[in-house]
């Protein structure tokens, strides 16, 4: 594993663990007159980093895949997303029933809508069509990831010229940002956030061509995201008289916050790539160990921590949190490394086509005719 690819794996592990901390630790803890827990308030930014990493990884994965058929592309993503998700949703239903002391209504309609990837974060955005299943808020970003995957294949397959492809995506993102001022609905948001995800794709293209050598190479995504941020800033200013003291964690601030952070992350990532911050590399390297379970950790941790609270709620808070974290990591390992491969072997005639092996592990051996199947960056 090269040091540069190791950074991606380590970041996936680190960000997934950060999101667990974001959801399970307090956001207010004053020490010396300073709220040191403010560092734990960046969960939304962490998801944007996941989007960038996901776009980068899927572009590399697609480049090294042995098949260009949509059926193969779809099946890899379908099994990789839905098998761990099915386990997580079953756990969620069990935990909510445990909380209620009896079997609860499974909300089959909502379940189907979540399986169709229509869910979003209703507490912070307007006009959300479908809430996340059993109040598992992290599931909101999974729907976006799925539709990014589904848009990536036709764009990459049928629009052969990279420049035209990038112009279409970033152009649609800007138009979506303008439309969002008057029509803040889920499909518009998908195309708006696709520009963030596609910035990762764009960087991967430069990386594969050994052209990621100057910040000017990133002018197109940076300009596109700046224009999108400008449209979103106009939306904020337009609605400012009616916002009152609304937090930046809510619409319309939230979308602007997402894009501004993405611009910052791209610039910082480029500097890291070119300068090689060795101390930072050493600091994040241990999180490579969490990367293989990062997806299940992301979609399951709220349910699993709730279960720990029900079963061991009388324990000391610190001991309870540590126990919940250890149990969550262990269960996610079982999901990713045992349940997922076993299910895929039964469902797929060629189980090697959908492997639980890490993307970066297989990238090191490009002669492998099985192709490359990445884990979701989520």
Protein backbone atom coordinates (compact mmCIF):
# COMPACT_ATOMS: atom_id res chain seq x y z
CA UNK A 1 0.00 0.00 0.00
CA UNK A 2 1.54 3.31 -1.03
CA UNK A 3 1.72 6.12 1.51
CA UNK A 4 -0.68 8.27 -0.53
CA UNK A 5 -3.33 5.55 -0.76
CA UNK A 6 -2.72 4.72 2.89
CA UNK A 7 -3.79 8.27 3.70
CA UNK A 8 -7.17 7.65 2.08
CA UNK A 9 -7.71 4.46 4.07
CA UNK A 10 -6.53 6.11 7.28
CA UNK A 11 -8.80 9.10 6.68
CA UNK A 12 -11.79 6.82 6.14
CA UNK A 13 -11.08 5.11 9.42
CA UNK A 14 -10.47 8.36 11.27
CA UNK A 15 -13.54 10.13 9.91
CA UNK A 16 -15.85 7.19 10.65
CA UNK A 17 -14.59 7.09 14.24
CA UNK A 18 -14.95 10.88 14.51
CA UNK A 19 -18.59 10.62 13.50
CA UNK A 20 -19.11 8.06 16.26
CA UNK A 21 -17.58 10.52 18.73
CA UNK A 22 -19.73 13.32 17.26
CA UNK A 23 -22.91 11.35 17.94
CA UNK A 24 -22.01 9.83 21.31
CA UNK A 25 -20.02 12.47 23.20
CA UNK A 26 -21.26 15.85 24.50
CA UNK A 27 -20.84 19.00 22.43
CA UNK A 28 -20.42 21.20 25.48
CA UNK A 29 -17.61 20.70 27.98
CA UNK A 30 -15.98 23.81 29.45
CA UNK A 31 -12.37 23.59 30.52
CA UNK A 32 -10.54 26.73 31.62
CA UNK A 33 -13.41 28.86 30.34
CA UNK A 34 -13.21 27.28 26.87
CA UNK A 35 -15.73 24.86 25.42
CA UNK A 36 -13.21 22.21 24.34
CA UNK A 37 -16.04 20.05 22.99
CA UNK A 38 -16.46 22.42 20.04
CA UNK A 39 -14.02 20.17 18.18
CA UNK A 40 -16.76 17.54 18.30
CA UNK A 41 -19.28 19.64 16.35
CA UNK A 42 -18.00 18.94 12.84
CA UNK A 43 -20.04 15.89 11.94
CA UNK A 44 -21.46 17.53 8.82
CA UNK A 45 -17.97 18.42 7.62
CA UNK A 46 -16.91 14.82 8.16
CA UNK A 47 -19.65 13.64 5.78
CA UNK A 48 -18.44 16.08 3.11
CA UNK A 49 -14.96 14.61 3.49
CA UNK A 50 -16.50 11.17 2.99
CA UNK A 51 -18.09 12.41 -0.25
CA UNK A 52 -14.74 13.64 -1.56
CA UNK A 53 -12.98 10.40 -0.59
CA UNK A 54 -15.76 8.32 -2.14
CA UNK A 55 -15.55 10.12 -5.48
CA UNK A 56 -11.77 9.68 -5.51
CA UNK A 57 -11.91 5.98 -4.66
CA UNK A 58 -14.67 5.03 -7.09
CA UNK A 59 -12.82 6.67 -9.98
CA UNK A 60 -9.70 4.62 -9.22
CA UNK A 61 -11.84 1.52 -8.73
CA UNK A 62 -13.60 1.96 -12.06
CA UNK A 63 -10.30 2.50 -13.86
CA UNK A 64 -8.92 -0.81 -12.59
CA UNK A 65 -12.10 -2.84 -13.00
CA UNK A 66 -11.91 -5.76 -15.42
CA UNK A 67 -15.51 -5.22 -16.56
CA UNK A 68 -17.24 -2.17 -18.03
CA UNK A 69 -20.71 -3.76 -17.96
CA UNK A 70 -23.39 -1.96 -15.96
CA UNK A 71 -24.63 -5.28 -14.55
CA UNK A 72 -21.25 -5.92 -12.93
CA UNK A 73 -20.88 -2.33 -11.78
CA UNK A 74 -24.38 -2.32 -10.27
CA UNK A 75 -24.06 -5.70 -8.56
CA UNK A 76 -20.80 -4.72 -6.86
CA UNK A 77 -22.30 -1.54 -5.42
CA UNK A 78 -25.65 -3.17 -4.63
CA UNK A 79 -24.21 -6.00 -2.56
CA UNK A 80 -21.61 -3.78 -0.93
CA UNK A 81 -24.21 -1.23 0.16
CA UNK A 82 -27.24 -3.38 0.90
CA UNK A 83 -25.86 -6.43 2.70
CA UNK A 84 -24.38 -4.49 5.66
CA UNK A 85 -27.33 -2.10 5.50
CA UNK A 86 -29.82 -4.96 5.87
CA UNK A 87 -27.97 -6.14 8.99
CA UNK A 88 -27.88 -2.60 10.39
CA UNK A 89 -31.61 -2.06 9.80
CA UNK A 90 -32.43 -5.38 11.47
CA UNK A 91 -30.32 -4.33 14.46
CA UNK A 92 -32.12 -0.99 14.49
CA UNK A 93 -35.53 -2.62 14.63
CA UNK A 94 -34.36 -4.94 17.42
CA UNK A 95 -32.94 -2.06 19.47
CA UNK A 96 -36.04 0.11 19.11
CA UNK A 97 -38.21 -2.87 20.14
CA UNK A 98 -35.92 -3.45 23.11
CA UNK A 99 -36.36 0.18 24.11
CA UNK A 100 -40.14 -0.17 23.88
CA UNK A 101 -40.21 -3.48 25.73
CA UNK A 102 -42.18 -5.13 22.91
CA UNK A 103 -42.09 -5.63 19.16
CA UNK A 104 -42.88 -2.31 17.54
CA UNK A 105 -44.43 -1.37 14.22
CA UNK A 106 -41.71 -2.12 11.62
CA UNK A 107 -42.85 0.89 9.53
CA UNK A 108 -42.63 -1.10 6.33
CA UNK A 109 -43.50 1.88 4.15
CA UNK A 110 -40.64 3.92 5.58
CA UNK A 111 -38.35 0.91 5.35
CA UNK A 112 -39.07 0.45 1.64
CA UNK A 113 -38.54 4.17 0.99
CA UNK A 114 -35.17 3.99 2.74
CA UNK A 115 -34.24 0.91 0.72
CA UNK A 116 -35.12 2.91 -2.40
CA UNK A 117 -32.59 5.49 -1.19
CA UNK A 118 -35.00 8.42 -0.85
CA UNK A 119 -34.19 9.36 2.76
CA UNK A 120 -32.73 12.63 3.98
CA UNK A 121 -32.08 14.49 7.23
CA UNK A 122 -35.50 15.96 7.98
CA UNK A 123 -34.49 17.84 11.15
CA UNK A 124 -32.19 20.27 9.35
CA UNK A 125 -33.47 20.53 5.76
CA UNK A 126 -36.79 21.58 4.23
CA UNK A 127 -39.09 19.52 2.03
CA UNK A 128 -37.62 16.14 3.00
CA UNK A 129 -39.71 13.43 1.38
CA UNK A 130 -38.52 10.49 3.50
CA UNK A 131 -37.07 10.42 7.01
CA UNK A 132 -34.29 8.03 7.99
CA UNK A 133 -35.44 4.62 9.22
CA UNK A 134 -35.83 4.26 12.99
CA UNK A 135 -34.29 7.73 13.47
CA UNK A 136 -30.83 6.61 12.36
CA UNK A 137 -29.73 10.05 11.17
CA UNK A 138 -26.42 8.98 9.52
CA UNK A 139 -28.45 7.14 6.87
CA UNK A 140 -29.25 10.47 5.22
CA UNK A 141 -25.96 10.58 3.32
CA UNK A 142 -26.26 6.98 2.12
CA UNK A 143 -29.03 7.93 -0.30
CA UNK A 144 -26.80 10.60 -1.83
CA UNK A 145 -23.91 8.13 -2.19
CA UNK A 146 -26.17 5.67 -3.97
CA UNK A 147 -27.39 8.18 -6.52
CA UNK A 148 -23.85 9.43 -7.05
CA UNK A 149 -22.89 5.85 -7.92
CA UNK A 150 -25.82 5.51 -10.30
CA UNK A 151 -25.00 8.81 -12.04
CA UNK A 152 -21.29 8.04 -12.27
CA UNK A 153 -21.66 5.05 -14.58
CA UNK A 154 -23.65 6.67 -17.41
CA UNK A 155 -21.60 9.84 -17.20
CA UNK A 156 -18.32 7.96 -17.40
CA UNK A 157 -19.50 5.44 -20.00
CA UNK A 158 -21.45 7.60 -22.43
CA UNK A 159 -19.65 10.93 -22.10
CA UNK A 160 -16.22 9.86 -23.28
CA UNK A 161 -14.45 13.22 -23.10
CA UNK A 162 -13.39 13.99 -19.53
CA UNK A 163 -13.55 17.74 -20.01
CA UNK A 164 -17.13 17.61 -21.27
CA UNK A 165 -18.08 15.21 -18.49
CA UNK A 166 -16.69 17.51 -15.81
CA UNK A 167 -18.36 20.53 -17.37
CA UNK A 168 -21.73 18.75 -17.36
CA UNK A 169 -21.47 17.77 -13.69
CA UNK A 170 -20.22 21.12 -12.42
CA UNK A 171 -22.62 23.00 -14.67
CA UNK A 172 -25.55 21.00 -13.33
CA UNK A 173 -24.29 21.63 -9.81
CA UNK A 174 -24.34 25.39 -10.35
CA UNK A 175 -27.81 25.27 -11.92
CA UNK A 176 -28.98 23.12 -9.00
CA UNK A 177 -27.61 25.70 -6.54
CA UNK A 178 -29.61 28.43 -8.30
CA UNK A 179 -32.74 26.27 -8.45
CA UNK A 180 -32.29 25.45 -4.75
CA UNK A 181 -33.11 29.04 -3.85
CA UNK A 182 -36.71 28.45 -4.92
CA UNK A 183 -36.92 24.65 -4.98
CA UNK A 184 -35.06 23.12 -2.01
CA UNK A 185 -36.02 19.48 -2.60
CA UNK A 186 -34.14 16.17 -2.59
CA UNK A 187 -33.43 15.73 -6.35
CA UNK A 188 -32.02 19.25 -6.56
CA UNK A 189 -29.84 18.58 -3.52
CA UNK A 190 -28.48 15.42 -5.17
CA UNK A 191 -27.17 17.36 -8.16
CA UNK A 192 -25.89 20.13 -5.90
CA UNK A 193 -23.86 17.70 -3.77
CA UNK A 194 -22.78 15.71 -6.80
CA UNK A 195 -20.36 18.56 -7.52
CA UNK A 196 -18.64 17.93 -4.19
CA UNK A 197 -18.45 14.18 -4.80
CA UNK A 198 -17.28 14.71 -8.38
CA UNK A 199 -14.46 16.93 -7.14
CA UNK A 200 -13.04 13.73 -5.67
CA UNK A 201 -13.49 12.04 -9.07
CA UNK A 202 -11.69 14.96 -10.72
CA UNK A 203 -8.76 14.72 -8.33
CA UNK A 204 -8.49 10.98 -8.96
CA UNK A 205 -8.30 11.63 -12.69
CA UNK A 206 -5.40 14.02 -12.16
CA UNK A 207 -3.75 11.55 -9.79
CA UNK A 208 -3.92 8.71 -12.31
CA UNK A 209 -2.47 10.96 -15.02
CA UNK A 210 0.34 12.19 -12.72
CA UNK A 211 -0.97 15.72 -13.24
CA UNK A 212 -1.81 16.61 -9.65
CA UNK A 213 1.26 18.85 -9.53
CA UNK A 214 -0.18 22.35 -9.25
CA UNK A 215 -3.14 23.93 -7.53
CA UNK A 216 -4.10 25.44 -10.89
CA UNK A 217 -4.97 21.92 -12.01
CA UNK A 218 -7.83 22.11 -9.52
CA UNK A 219 -9.17 25.37 -10.93
CA UNK A 220 -12.29 23.78 -12.42
CA UNK A 221 -13.74 22.14 -9.28
CA UNK A 222 -12.63 25.05 -7.10
CA UNK A 223 -14.27 27.57 -9.40
CA UNK A 224 -17.42 25.47 -9.68
CA UNK A 225 -17.73 25.07 -5.92
CA UNK A 226 -17.06 28.80 -5.43
CA UNK A 227 -19.89 29.66 -7.83
CA UNK A 228 -22.15 27.18 -6.05
CA UNK A 229 -21.20 28.71 -2.69
CA UNK A 230 -22.01 32.16 -4.10
CA UNK A 231 -25.51 31.03 -5.11
CA UNK A 232 -26.03 29.46 -1.67
CA UNK A 233 -24.73 32.62 0.00
CA UNK A 234 -27.30 34.62 -1.96
CA UNK A 235 -29.95 32.20 -0.67
CA UNK A 236 -28.81 32.87 2.90
CA UNK A 237 -28.88 36.64 2.38
CA UNK A 238 -32.30 36.44 0.75
CA UNK A 239 -33.73 34.59 3.74
CA UNK A 240 -31.68 36.32 6.41
CA UNK A 241 -34.53 38.57 7.68
CA UNK A 242 -36.56 35.45 8.48
CA UNK A 243 -33.79 33.31 9.99
CA UNK A 244 -33.52 34.93 13.39
CA UNK A 245 -30.90 33.10 15.47
CA UNK A 246 -31.02 29.91 13.42
CA UNK A 247 -27.89 27.80 13.85
CA UNK A 248 -25.47 27.18 10.95
CA UNK A 249 -26.42 23.54 11.36
CA UNK A 250 -29.76 24.21 9.62
CA UNK A 251 -30.97 25.26 6.16
CA UNK A 252 -29.99 27.54 4.46
CA UNK A 253 -26.70 27.92 6.31
CA UNK A 254 -25.97 24.20 6.25
CA UNK A 255 -25.59 23.80 2.50
CA UNK A 256 -23.28 26.81 2.30
CA UNK A 257 -21.24 25.42 5.18
CA UNK A 258 -20.90 22.10 3.33
CA UNK A 259 -19.56 23.69 0.15
CA UNK A 260 -17.19 26.10 1.88
CA UNK A 261 -15.71 23.24 3.88
CA UNK A 262 -15.32 21.14 0.72
CA UNK A 263 -13.30 23.92 -0.93
CA UNK A 264 -11.10 24.09 2.17
CA UNK A 265 -10.68 20.30 2.27
CA UNK A 266 -9.63 20.17 -1.40
CA UNK A 267 -6.99 22.83 -0.89
CA UNK A 268 -5.69 21.23 2.30
CA UNK A 269 -5.68 17.79 0.66
CA UNK A 270 -3.64 19.11 -2.25
CA UNK A 271 -1.09 20.69 0.13
CA UNK A 272 -0.89 17.44 2.07
CA UNK A 273 -0.35 15.47 -1.14
CA UNK A 274 2.37 17.79 -2.43
CA UNK A 275 4.14 18.64 0.82
CA UNK A 276 3.77 15.31 2.59
CA UNK A 277 3.00 16.25 6.18
CA UNK A 278 4.88 13.37 7.81
CA UNK A 279 3.75 14.09 11.35
CA UNK A 280 0.13 14.05 10.19
CA UNK A 281 0.76 10.80 8.31
CA UNK A 282 2.06 9.19 11.49
CA UNK A 283 -0.84 10.50 13.55
CA UNK A 284 -3.53 9.06 11.29
CA UNK A 285 -1.79 5.82 10.32
CA UNK A 286 -3.31 3.73 13.16
CA UNK A 287 -6.80 4.48 11.83
CA UNK A 288 -6.05 2.27 8.82
CA UNK A 289 -7.16 -0.54 11.15
CA UNK A 290 -10.67 0.92 11.33
CA UNK A 291 -11.03 1.52 7.58
CA UNK A 292 -12.23 -2.04 6.76
CA UNK A 293 -15.23 -1.60 9.05
CA UNK A 294 -15.85 2.12 8.46
CA UNK A 295 -19.06 1.63 6.47
CA UNK A 296 -20.77 -0.61 9.02
CA UNK A 297 -19.48 1.61 11.80
CA UNK A 298 -21.10 4.62 10.15
CA UNK A 299 -24.53 3.08 9.59
CA UNK A 300 -24.75 1.00 12.80
CA UNK A 301 -23.17 2.94 15.65
CA UNK A 302 -26.28 4.83 16.78
CA UNK A 303 -28.25 1.59 17.14
CA UNK A 304 -25.41 -0.23 18.87
CA UNK A 305 -24.70 2.54 21.38
CA UNK A 306 -28.43 2.67 22.17
CA UNK A 307 -28.39 -1.08 22.78
CA UNK A 308 -25.44 -0.75 25.15
CA UNK A 309 -27.27 1.97 27.07
CA UNK A 310 -30.30 -0.30 27.48
CA UNK A 311 -28.28 -3.33 28.57
CA UNK A 312 -25.66 -1.66 30.74
CA UNK A 313 -27.22 1.70 31.56
CA UNK A 314 -26.36 1.46 35.26
CA UNK A 315 -22.62 1.39 34.61
CA UNK A 316 -20.38 4.40 35.12
CA UNK A 317 -20.80 6.73 32.09
CA UNK A 318 -17.15 6.45 31.03
CA UNK A 319 -17.14 2.68 31.43
CA UNK A 320 -20.44 2.47 29.56
CA UNK A 321 -19.10 4.52 26.65
CA UNK A 322 -15.91 2.45 26.39
CA UNK A 323 -17.91 -0.77 26.56
CA UNK A 324 -20.31 0.48 23.88
CA UNK A 325 -17.41 1.50 21.63
CA UNK A 326 -15.64 -1.83 22.02
CA UNK A 327 -18.85 -3.78 21.36
CA UNK A 328 -19.67 -1.59 18.35
CA UNK A 329 -16.24 -2.12 16.79
CA UNK A 330 -16.48 -5.86 17.39
CA UNK A 331 -19.97 -6.18 15.90
CA UNK A 332 -19.01 -4.08 12.88
CA UNK A 333 -16.02 -6.36 12.35
CA UNK A 334 -18.34 -9.36 12.36
CA UNK A 335 -20.66 -7.66 9.85
CA UNK A 336 -17.87 -6.65 7.47
CA UNK A 337 -15.48 -9.55 7.68
CA UNK A 338 -17.78 -12.49 8.38
CA UNK A 339 -21.46 -11.85 7.56
CA UNK A 340 -20.92 -9.80 4.40
CA UNK A 341 -18.50 -12.25 2.68
CA UNK A 342 -20.66 -15.23 3.67
CA UNK A 343 -23.83 -13.65 2.25
CA UNK A 344 -22.11 -12.63 -0.96
CA UNK A 345 -20.72 -16.14 -1.48
CA UNK A 346 -24.26 -17.47 -1.35
CA UNK A 347 -25.79 -14.79 -3.56
CA UNK A 348 -23.18 -14.43 -6.28
CA UNK A 349 -22.00 -17.14 -8.61
CA UNK A 350 -18.55 -15.57 -8.74
CA UNK A 351 -18.05 -14.39 -5.15
CA UNK A 352 -14.65 -13.00 -6.01
CA UNK A 353 -16.40 -10.29 -8.04
CA UNK A 354 -17.70 -8.73 -4.85
CA UNK A 355 -14.93 -9.13 -2.32
CA UNK A 356 -14.68 -7.90 1.23
CA UNK A 357 -10.98 -7.26 0.64
CA UNK A 358 -9.97 -3.61 0.90
CA UNK A 359 -9.76 -1.59 -2.28
CA UNK A 360 -6.27 -0.41 -1.53
CA UNK A 361 -5.03 -3.92 -0.80
CA UNK A 362 -6.06 -5.05 -4.27
CA UNK A 363 -4.89 -1.92 -6.02
CA UNK A 364 -1.35 -3.01 -5.26
CA UNK A 365 -1.81 -5.96 -7.61
CA UNK A 366 -3.28 -4.59 -10.83
CA UNK A 367 -2.83 -7.91 -12.61
CA UNK A 368 -5.68 -9.36 -10.55
CA UNK A 369 -8.39 -10.15 -13.11
CA UNK A 370 -11.14 -9.86 -10.53
CA UNK A 371 -11.12 -6.08 -10.82
CA UNK A 372 -11.36 -3.68 -7.93
CA UNK A 373 -14.34 -3.26 -5.63
CA UNK A 374 -14.12 -0.43 -3.17
CA UNK A 375 -15.87 -0.13 0.14
CA UNK A 376 -18.19 2.84 0.39
CA UNK A 377 -16.39 5.81 1.85
CA UNK A 378 -19.23 6.19 4.29
